[in-house]
Amino acid sequence: MHDIKLIREDAAGFDAACARRGILPLSHELLAIDEERRRAITEAEALQARRNAISRRIGEAKRAKLDTAALEAEASGIRGESEALEADVPRLDILLRDALAKIPNLLDAAVPAGRDEADNKVEKEWGTKRDFGFAVKQHFELGEALGLMDFAGAAKIAGSRFTVLHGALARLERALGQFMLDVHTGEHGYSETVTPLLVNDAAVFGTGQLPKFAEDLFATTDGRWLIPTAEVSLTNLAAGEILPGAKLPWRLTALTPCFRSEAGSAGRDVRGMLRQHQFSKVEMVSIVAPEASEAEHERMTRCAEVILERLELPYRRVLLCAGDTGFGAAKTFDLEVWVPGQGTYREISSCSNMRAFQARRMNARFRPPEQKPEFVHTLNGSGVAVGRALIAVLENYQNEDGSITVPAVLLPYMGGIETISAG
């Protein structure tokens, strides 16, 4: 959400910032609504002042036993005008709020120009891609051959874009999630949190999924939403709060199922686990003072990188361009893991600095020492997507006979299983 006061102060700058996202100038439309709203408030206040003055005169006249009919008629007329204006203010408030709510966050100056992922900037690469010496397979070929990955069974009970995992593969996925949580809580200072998987309208509005991305969500019959990411529930813990400055930075993490309709992705990644309606993810959320958010963004991204490095999975860090940066983000780093079965990198983590964009939507503030409350900055990042980590482990740790070597860092979680084989 944007601050209309800042748009008033620099309308040309706001329009120029929107243009970086390919959005036509909006300040004129927004300021016209704002001007009408402010005029209605000013006129309503003036009428109220007149009503108050007439009420005093009526009181004085009655005490003097004078005729008050004319004054009462005047007061009645003013009351009608005032009530009409007072009713118009909430309408204009909603109109302005809805208009502002549909505008994406303004981009950081460091975000490169560009239309789509082809224009993203690779900032670093880590790891050595393995020379297999045999024809590598994709994760779904490996999983099905092991008899531990079942797409037909999932389709029978839920439809497409679901997966059933059995035995050692189910344990491997659980191991990945537990490993990530242990690192983020034990080494990175995040507090493990268990949150609801169902949230209300206010929560998904607060983090920016509503109203623009309603079709990407699953709704329940009682008016709630299945979380597309634990970012929604974790970040909204600050909604409506004035946090003490000493509480910041507030770092939270959760391992949850996530639910996405994948609207608009028909025909993309239809085989395997890359694009699912339900998947597990470890989410990191940081709530910080504004001056700390840039450094926190780098810190959070590094926390996700550590997971991939401990798993010894080659990856690269990518700075998203203007056209690929998400609706609520000012700046985003994606981590893309090497997937040898496809011979390409695929996103496994996205770490974004939202600045005050979400905080304004959810009225999340903090109180600096001896100062008035101000909006916090919020950040979120995958630490990382568990299903995609499973894909990367299967493909990078595959052997010629179709077995999978368990990464060394996961052995303590696997109950003595070092290699996953058929049978």
Protein backbone atom coordinates (compact mmCIF):
# COMPACT_ATOMS: atom_id res chain seq x y z
CA MET A 1 0.00 0.00 0.00
CA HIS A 2 1.23 3.47 -0.83
CA ASP A 3 1.14 6.63 1.27
CA ILE A 4 -1.07 9.21 -0.42
CA LYS A 5 0.84 11.98 1.39
CA LEU A 6 4.03 10.99 -0.42
CA ILE A 7 2.17 10.96 -3.74
CA ARG A 8 0.90 14.47 -3.02
CA GLU A 9 4.46 15.63 -2.30
CA ASP A 10 6.00 14.10 -5.43
CA ALA A 11 3.41 13.03 -7.98
CA ALA A 12 5.89 13.11 -10.86
CA GLY A 13 8.33 10.91 -8.93
CA PHE A 14 5.55 8.42 -8.14
CA ASP A 15 4.52 8.22 -11.81
CA ALA A 16 8.14 7.74 -12.86
CA ALA A 17 8.52 4.91 -10.33
CA CYS A 18 5.34 3.25 -11.62
CA ALA A 19 6.64 3.57 -15.18
CA ARG A 20 9.54 1.26 -14.24
CA ARG A 21 6.92 -1.47 -13.82
CA GLY A 22 5.23 -0.54 -17.09
CA ILE A 23 2.31 1.20 -15.38
CA LEU A 24 0.75 4.31 -16.91
CA PRO A 25 0.70 7.50 -14.78
CA LEU A 26 -1.74 7.15 -11.89
CA SER A 27 -1.12 10.15 -9.67
CA HIS A 28 -3.73 12.37 -11.33
CA GLU A 29 -6.51 9.82 -10.72
CA LEU A 30 -5.40 9.15 -7.14
CA LEU A 31 -5.01 12.81 -6.25
CA ALA A 32 -8.45 13.63 -7.70
CA ILE A 33 -10.06 11.11 -5.32
CA ASP A 34 -7.89 12.38 -2.47
CA GLU A 35 -8.83 16.01 -3.18
CA GLU A 36 -12.55 15.17 -3.22
CA ARG A 37 -12.16 13.24 0.03
CA ARG A 38 -10.28 16.04 1.75
CA ARG A 39 -12.84 18.61 0.52
CA ALA A 40 -15.68 16.49 1.93
CA ILE A 41 -13.90 16.24 5.29
CA THR A 42 -13.23 20.01 5.39
CA GLU A 43 -16.80 20.91 4.47
CA ALA A 44 -18.23 18.41 6.96
CA GLU A 45 -16.06 19.89 9.71
CA ALA A 46 -17.14 23.42 8.76
CA LEU A 47 -20.81 22.43 8.83
CA GLN A 48 -20.34 20.75 12.19
CA ALA A 49 -18.78 23.94 13.53
CA ARG A 50 -21.82 25.89 12.25
CA ARG A 51 -24.20 23.40 13.87
CA ASN A 52 -22.36 23.74 17.16
CA ALA A 53 -22.54 27.54 16.99
CA ILE A 54 -26.28 27.47 16.20
CA SER A 55 -26.87 25.00 19.03
CA ARG A 56 -25.27 27.46 21.41
CA ARG A 57 -27.44 30.27 20.05
CA ILE A 58 -30.57 28.10 20.43
CA GLY A 59 -29.60 27.40 24.05
CA GLU A 60 -29.09 31.10 24.72
CA ALA A 61 -32.41 31.99 23.03
CA LYS A 62 -34.33 29.41 25.05
CA ARG A 63 -32.86 30.69 28.27
CA ALA A 64 -33.99 34.18 27.21
CA LYS A 65 -37.42 32.70 26.32
CA LEU A 66 -37.08 33.82 22.69
CA ASP A 67 -38.54 32.11 19.61
CA THR A 68 -36.02 29.49 18.32
CA ALA A 69 -38.01 28.13 15.36
CA ALA A 70 -35.88 29.84 12.71
CA LEU A 71 -32.62 28.74 14.36
CA GLU A 72 -33.86 25.16 14.71
CA ALA A 73 -34.87 25.08 11.03
CA GLU A 74 -31.42 26.33 10.06
CA ALA A 75 -29.78 23.70 12.28
CA SER A 76 -31.93 20.97 10.73
CA GLY A 77 -30.88 21.99 7.23
CA ILE A 78 -27.22 22.04 8.18
CA ARG A 79 -27.57 18.65 9.83
CA GLY A 80 -28.88 17.18 6.56
CA GLU A 81 -25.97 18.62 4.57
CA SER A 82 -23.47 17.47 7.18
CA GLU A 83 -24.81 13.91 7.33
CA ALA A 84 -24.65 13.63 3.53
CA LEU A 85 -21.00 14.72 3.54
CA GLU A 86 -20.15 12.51 6.50
CA ALA A 87 -21.62 9.53 4.63
CA ASP A 88 -19.56 10.42 1.56
CA VAL A 89 -16.22 10.40 3.39
CA PRO A 90 -16.21 6.62 4.10
CA ARG A 91 -17.14 5.98 0.44
CA LEU A 92 -14.21 8.07 -0.74
CA ASP A 93 -11.93 6.43 1.84
CA ILE A 94 -12.78 3.01 0.41
CA LEU A 95 -12.44 4.27 -3.18
CA LEU A 96 -8.96 5.65 -2.48
CA ARG A 97 -7.91 2.59 -0.48
CA ASP A 98 -9.04 0.23 -3.24
CA ALA A 99 -7.22 2.25 -5.90
CA LEU A 100 -3.99 2.30 -3.85
CA ALA A 101 -4.31 -1.41 -3.02
CA LYS A 102 -4.07 -2.40 -6.69
CA ILE A 103 -0.76 -0.62 -7.30
CA PRO A 104 2.42 -2.69 -6.85
CA ASN A 105 5.30 -1.65 -4.63
CA LEU A 106 7.82 0.84 -5.95
CA LEU A 107 11.10 -0.74 -6.98
CA ASP A 108 14.49 -0.29 -5.38
CA ALA A 109 16.91 1.73 -7.48
CA ALA A 110 19.15 -1.34 -7.81
CA VAL A 111 16.49 -3.38 -9.60
CA PRO A 112 17.51 -3.68 -13.26
CA ALA A 113 15.17 -2.76 -16.09
CA GLY A 114 13.62 -5.65 -17.97
CA ARG A 115 10.40 -7.37 -18.99
CA ASP A 116 10.73 -10.94 -17.74
CA GLU A 117 13.07 -13.57 -16.31
CA ALA A 118 15.32 -13.35 -19.37
CA ASP A 119 16.39 -9.90 -18.13
CA ASN A 120 17.23 -10.97 -14.56
CA LYS A 121 20.79 -10.41 -13.39
CA VAL A 122 22.88 -13.37 -12.21
CA GLU A 123 24.90 -12.08 -9.27
CA LYS A 124 26.80 -15.21 -8.25
CA GLU A 125 27.13 -18.93 -8.84
CA TRP A 126 28.13 -21.52 -6.26
CA GLY A 127 29.15 -25.15 -6.48
CA THR A 128 30.42 -27.51 -9.13
CA LYS A 129 28.01 -29.32 -11.39
CA ARG A 130 28.58 -33.04 -11.15
CA ASP A 131 29.95 -34.95 -14.15
CA PHE A 132 27.78 -38.05 -14.01
CA GLY A 133 29.29 -40.18 -16.76
CA PHE A 134 25.86 -41.68 -17.51
CA ALA A 135 22.48 -40.53 -18.82
CA VAL A 136 20.84 -38.64 -15.99
CA LYS A 137 17.14 -38.96 -15.25
CA GLN A 138 14.56 -36.50 -14.03
CA HIS A 139 13.19 -36.75 -10.49
CA PHE A 140 9.87 -38.29 -11.49
CA GLU A 141 11.61 -41.00 -13.51
CA LEU A 142 13.83 -41.80 -10.54
CA GLY A 143 10.99 -41.69 -8.00
CA GLU A 144 8.65 -43.88 -10.02
CA ALA A 145 11.38 -46.41 -10.77
CA LEU A 146 12.07 -46.63 -7.04
CA GLY A 147 8.39 -47.30 -6.47
CA LEU A 148 8.29 -44.47 -3.92
CA MET A 149 6.72 -41.61 -5.92
CA ASP A 150 3.10 -42.10 -6.95
CA PHE A 151 1.39 -39.62 -9.25
CA ALA A 152 -1.43 -41.94 -10.33
CA GLY A 153 -2.46 -42.56 -6.73
CA ALA A 154 -2.42 -38.84 -6.01
CA ALA A 155 -4.53 -38.12 -9.08
CA LYS A 156 -7.04 -40.77 -8.01
CA ILE A 157 -7.68 -39.11 -4.65
CA ALA A 158 -7.05 -35.42 -5.41
CA GLY A 159 -6.54 -34.78 -9.14
CA SER A 160 -3.55 -33.47 -11.08
CA ARG A 161 -0.61 -31.58 -9.57
CA PHE A 162 -0.42 -33.69 -6.42
CA THR A 163 2.10 -36.36 -5.38
CA VAL A 164 2.15 -39.26 -2.95
CA LEU A 165 5.56 -40.15 -1.49
CA HIS A 166 6.25 -43.49 0.18
CA GLY A 167 8.89 -44.97 2.43
CA ALA A 168 12.38 -43.55 2.23
CA LEU A 169 11.36 -40.70 -0.09
CA ALA A 170 8.69 -39.58 2.37
CA ARG A 171 11.32 -39.70 5.10
CA LEU A 172 13.79 -37.80 2.91
CA GLU A 173 11.28 -34.98 2.43
CA ARG A 174 10.64 -34.87 6.18
CA ALA A 175 14.40 -34.86 6.80
CA LEU A 176 14.88 -31.89 4.50
CA GLY A 177 12.26 -29.83 6.32
CA GLN A 178 13.61 -30.70 9.76
CA PHE A 179 17.17 -29.96 8.70
CA MET A 180 16.17 -26.53 7.39
CA LEU A 181 14.28 -25.67 10.57
CA ASP A 182 17.19 -26.79 12.75
CA VAL A 183 19.63 -24.56 10.86
CA HIS A 184 17.38 -21.49 10.83
CA THR A 185 16.44 -21.77 14.51
CA GLY A 186 19.76 -23.03 15.85
CA GLU A 187 22.13 -20.87 13.80
CA HIS A 188 20.22 -18.04 12.13
CA GLY A 189 18.18 -16.66 15.01
CA TYR A 190 14.69 -17.43 13.69
CA SER A 191 11.97 -18.47 16.13
CA GLU A 192 10.10 -21.62 15.12
CA THR A 193 6.39 -20.92 14.83
CA VAL A 194 3.29 -23.03 14.21
CA THR A 195 0.55 -21.00 12.55
CA PRO A 196 -2.95 -21.59 11.13
CA LEU A 197 -3.14 -22.89 7.58
CA LEU A 198 -6.47 -21.10 7.15
CA VAL A 199 -6.57 -17.30 7.25
CA ASN A 200 -9.16 -14.54 6.81
CA ASP A 201 -9.54 -11.85 4.16
CA ALA A 202 -7.65 -9.27 6.21
CA ALA A 203 -4.57 -11.50 6.41
CA VAL A 204 -4.30 -12.16 2.67
CA PHE A 205 -5.03 -8.50 1.95
CA GLY A 206 -2.30 -7.49 4.39
CA THR A 207 0.43 -9.42 2.60
CA GLY A 208 -0.84 -8.40 -0.85
CA GLN A 209 -2.47 -11.53 -2.24
CA LEU A 210 -5.90 -9.87 -2.24
CA PRO A 211 -7.48 -8.44 -4.23
CA LYS A 212 -5.17 -8.92 -7.21
CA PHE A 213 -4.29 -12.61 -6.84
CA ALA A 214 -7.51 -14.18 -5.59
CA GLU A 215 -7.52 -16.69 -8.45
CA ASP A 216 -4.16 -18.06 -7.27
CA LEU A 217 -5.62 -19.01 -3.89
CA PHE A 218 -7.89 -21.77 -2.62
CA ALA A 219 -10.95 -20.51 -0.74
CA THR A 220 -13.02 -22.44 1.79
CA THR A 221 -16.79 -22.49 1.94
CA ASP A 222 -16.79 -20.41 5.14
CA GLY A 223 -14.92 -17.45 3.68
CA ARG A 224 -11.35 -18.29 4.63
CA TRP A 225 -8.28 -19.01 2.53
CA LEU A 226 -5.67 -21.77 2.50
CA ILE A 227 -2.27 -20.15 2.88
CA PRO A 228 -0.18 -19.98 -0.32
CA THR A 229 2.86 -19.52 1.92
CA ALA A 230 3.49 -19.14 5.66
CA GLU A 231 4.52 -15.55 4.85
CA VAL A 232 0.81 -14.71 5.19
CA SER A 233 0.32 -16.02 8.70
CA LEU A 234 3.77 -15.12 10.03
CA THR A 235 3.80 -11.53 8.78
CA ASN A 236 0.25 -10.88 9.98
CA LEU A 237 1.27 -11.58 13.56
CA ALA A 238 2.37 -7.92 13.49
CA ALA A 239 -0.93 -6.69 12.02
CA GLY A 240 -2.54 -3.89 14.01
CA GLU A 241 0.32 -3.88 16.52
CA ILE A 242 2.64 -1.17 17.78
CA LEU A 243 5.72 -3.21 18.61
CA PRO A 244 8.29 -1.98 21.11
CA GLY A 245 11.48 -1.01 19.33
CA ALA A 246 13.41 -3.49 21.46
CA LYS A 247 11.46 -6.38 19.88
CA LEU A 248 13.01 -5.69 16.48
CA PRO A 249 14.32 -7.45 14.54
CA TRP A 250 11.57 -10.04 14.95
CA ARG A 251 12.52 -13.17 13.01
CA LEU A 252 10.08 -16.05 12.54
CA THR A 253 10.20 -19.33 10.64
CA ALA A 254 7.67 -22.08 9.96
CA LEU A 255 7.50 -25.36 8.07
CA THR A 256 4.03 -25.61 6.57
CA PRO A 257 2.08 -27.06 3.69
CA CYS A 258 1.35 -24.39 1.10
CA PHE A 259 -1.58 -24.35 -1.31
CA ARG A 260 -1.70 -22.68 -4.71
CA SER A 261 -4.16 -23.02 -7.55
CA GLU A 262 -1.43 -22.43 -10.16
CA ALA A 263 -3.88 -20.38 -12.20
CA GLY A 264 -2.41 -19.53 -15.57
CA SER A 265 0.19 -22.30 -15.48
CA ALA A 266 -1.71 -24.83 -17.58
CA GLY A 267 0.75 -26.86 -19.63
CA ARG A 268 3.80 -25.77 -17.59
CA ASP A 269 5.75 -28.39 -15.63
CA VAL A 270 2.86 -30.84 -15.79
CA ARG A 271 5.10 -33.82 -15.04
CA GLY A 272 6.62 -34.34 -11.65
CA MET A 273 6.72 -32.19 -8.51
CA LEU A 274 7.92 -28.84 -9.78
CA ARG A 275 4.54 -27.09 -9.83
CA GLN A 276 2.09 -28.51 -7.30
CA HIS A 277 -1.20 -27.46 -5.73
CA GLN A 278 0.19 -28.56 -2.35
CA PHE A 279 3.82 -28.47 -1.27
CA SER A 280 5.90 -27.97 1.85
CA LYS A 281 8.11 -24.96 2.43
CA VAL A 282 10.19 -23.50 5.22
CA GLU A 283 9.42 -19.79 5.32
CA MET A 284 11.46 -17.02 6.93
CA VAL A 285 9.92 -13.68 7.88
CA SER A 286 11.73 -10.68 9.34
CA ILE A 287 10.04 -7.62 10.81
CA VAL A 288 12.56 -4.82 11.21
CA ALA A 289 13.08 -1.08 11.55
CA PRO A 290 13.25 0.71 8.17
CA GLU A 291 16.96 1.48 8.38
CA ALA A 292 17.74 -2.21 8.91
CA SER A 293 15.79 -3.75 6.02
CA GLU A 294 18.46 -3.58 3.32
CA ALA A 295 21.02 -5.41 5.48
CA GLU A 296 18.32 -7.84 6.63
CA HIS A 297 17.52 -8.67 3.02
CA GLU A 298 21.13 -9.67 2.39
CA ARG A 299 21.19 -11.61 5.66
CA MET A 300 17.99 -13.52 4.88
CA THR A 301 19.18 -14.46 1.40
CA ARG A 302 22.42 -15.71 2.88
CA CYS A 303 20.47 -17.90 5.34
CA ALA A 304 18.77 -19.62 2.40
CA GLU A 305 22.09 -19.99 0.57
CA VAL A 306 23.57 -21.81 3.57
CA ILE A 307 20.90 -24.52 3.25
CA LEU A 308 21.84 -25.21 -0.36
CA GLU A 309 25.56 -25.16 0.41
CA ARG A 310 25.16 -27.62 3.29
CA LEU A 311 23.27 -29.89 0.89
CA GLU A 312 26.08 -29.35 -1.65
CA LEU A 313 23.63 -28.35 -4.36
CA PRO A 314 24.97 -26.02 -7.06
CA TYR A 315 22.94 -22.81 -7.24
CA ARG A 316 23.02 -19.24 -8.42
CA ARG A 317 21.71 -16.00 -6.95
CA VAL A 318 19.64 -13.84 -9.29
CA LEU A 319 18.49 -10.24 -8.85
CA LEU A 320 15.05 -10.00 -10.42
CA CYS A 321 14.42 -7.32 -13.03
CA ALA A 322 11.56 -4.83 -12.93
CA GLY A 323 9.20 -6.99 -14.98
CA ASP A 324 9.81 -10.12 -12.90
CA THR A 325 9.69 -8.59 -9.41
CA GLY A 326 6.56 -9.56 -7.49
CA PHE A 327 3.65 -7.24 -6.74
CA GLY A 328 4.57 -6.46 -3.13
CA ALA A 329 8.36 -6.50 -3.38
CA ALA A 330 10.73 -3.56 -3.71
CA LYS A 331 13.63 -5.90 -4.44
CA THR A 332 13.93 -9.68 -4.77
CA PHE A 333 16.75 -12.18 -4.91
CA ASP A 334 15.91 -15.61 -6.30
CA LEU A 335 18.07 -18.63 -5.59
CA GLU A 336 18.00 -21.11 -8.44
CA VAL A 337 19.21 -24.66 -7.89
CA TRP A 338 20.85 -26.76 -10.60
CA VAL A 339 18.53 -29.52 -11.83
CA PRO A 340 20.65 -31.85 -14.00
CA GLY A 341 17.70 -33.89 -15.28
CA GLN A 342 16.43 -30.74 -17.02
CA GLY A 343 19.90 -29.32 -17.58
CA THR A 344 18.89 -25.96 -16.14
CA TYR A 345 18.49 -23.90 -12.97
CA ARG A 346 15.08 -23.73 -11.25
CA GLU A 347 13.90 -21.35 -8.55
CA ILE A 348 14.05 -22.84 -5.06
CA SER A 349 13.96 -19.70 -2.92
CA SER A 350 12.72 -16.15 -3.33
CA CYS A 351 13.79 -13.53 -0.76
CA SER A 352 12.08 -10.15 -0.91
CA ASN A 353 12.28 -6.82 0.87
CA MET A 354 8.72 -5.45 0.99
CA ARG A 355 9.74 -2.31 2.89
CA ALA A 356 6.61 -0.64 4.38
CA PHE A 357 4.27 -1.87 1.63
CA GLN A 358 2.73 -4.69 3.65
CA ALA A 359 2.98 -2.82 6.93
CA ARG A 360 0.70 -0.05 5.65
CA ARG A 361 -1.84 -2.61 4.45
CA MET A 362 -1.93 -4.31 7.85
CA ASN A 363 -1.14 -1.26 10.02
CA ALA A 364 1.96 -2.85 11.54
CA ARG A 365 4.07 -0.30 13.41
CA PHE A 366 6.78 0.01 16.02
CA ARG A 367 7.73 2.70 18.49
CA PRO A 368 11.30 3.99 18.32
CA PRO A 369 12.65 5.32 21.62
CA GLU A 370 10.95 8.62 22.51
CA GLN A 371 9.38 8.95 19.06
CA LYS A 372 5.98 8.49 17.45
CA PRO A 373 5.10 5.04 16.04
CA GLU A 374 6.14 4.37 12.46
CA PHE A 375 5.62 1.54 10.01
CA VAL A 376 7.92 -1.47 10.20
CA HIS A 377 9.58 -3.01 7.17
CA THR A 378 8.76 -6.63 6.38
CA LEU A 379 10.82 -9.23 4.54
CA ASN A 380 10.10 -12.80 3.58
CA GLY A 381 12.02 -15.63 1.98
CA SER A 382 11.90 -19.35 1.32
CA GLY A 383 14.36 -21.19 3.44
CA VAL A 384 13.79 -23.24 1.21
CA ALA A 385 10.99 -24.94 -0.78
CA VAL A 386 11.12 -28.53 0.51
CA GLY A 387 9.63 -30.22 -2.54
CA ARG A 388 12.03 -28.52 -4.90
CA ALA A 389 14.92 -29.37 -2.57
CA LEU A 390 13.81 -33.01 -2.81
CA ILE A 391 13.83 -32.75 -6.60
CA ALA A 392 17.33 -31.28 -6.55
CA VAL A 393 18.65 -33.96 -4.17
CA LEU A 394 17.18 -36.78 -6.26
CA GLU A 395 18.67 -35.48 -9.47
CA ASN A 396 22.06 -34.35 -8.14
CA TYR A 397 22.62 -37.43 -5.95
CA GLN A 398 21.37 -40.08 -8.40
CA ASN A 399 23.50 -43.11 -9.24
CA GLU A 400 23.72 -45.06 -12.46
CA ASP A 401 21.61 -47.90 -11.03
CA GLY A 402 18.80 -45.47 -10.17
CA SER A 403 19.54 -45.37 -6.44
CA ILE A 404 19.91 -42.10 -4.52
CA THR A 405 22.78 -41.33 -2.16
CA VAL A 406 21.55 -39.45 0.90
CA PRO A 407 23.43 -36.15 1.39
CA ALA A 408 25.78 -36.34 4.37
CA VAL A 409 24.05 -33.49 6.22
CA LEU A 410 20.74 -35.41 6.18
CA LEU A 411 22.08 -38.72 7.51
CA PRO A 412 21.25 -37.88 11.17
CA TYR A 413 17.59 -37.54 10.14
CA MET A 414 17.34 -40.72 8.05
CA GLY A 415 17.44 -43.47 10.68
CA GLY A 416 20.46 -45.23 9.22
CA ILE A 417 19.39 -45.00 5.54
CA GLU A 418 22.43 -43.96 3.49
CA THR A 419 21.20 -44.97 0.04
CA ILE A 420 17.64 -45.13 -1.26
CA SER A 421 17.18 -48.09 -3.59
CA ALA A 422 14.30 -49.94 -5.24
CA GLY A 423 12.80 -52.77 -3.23
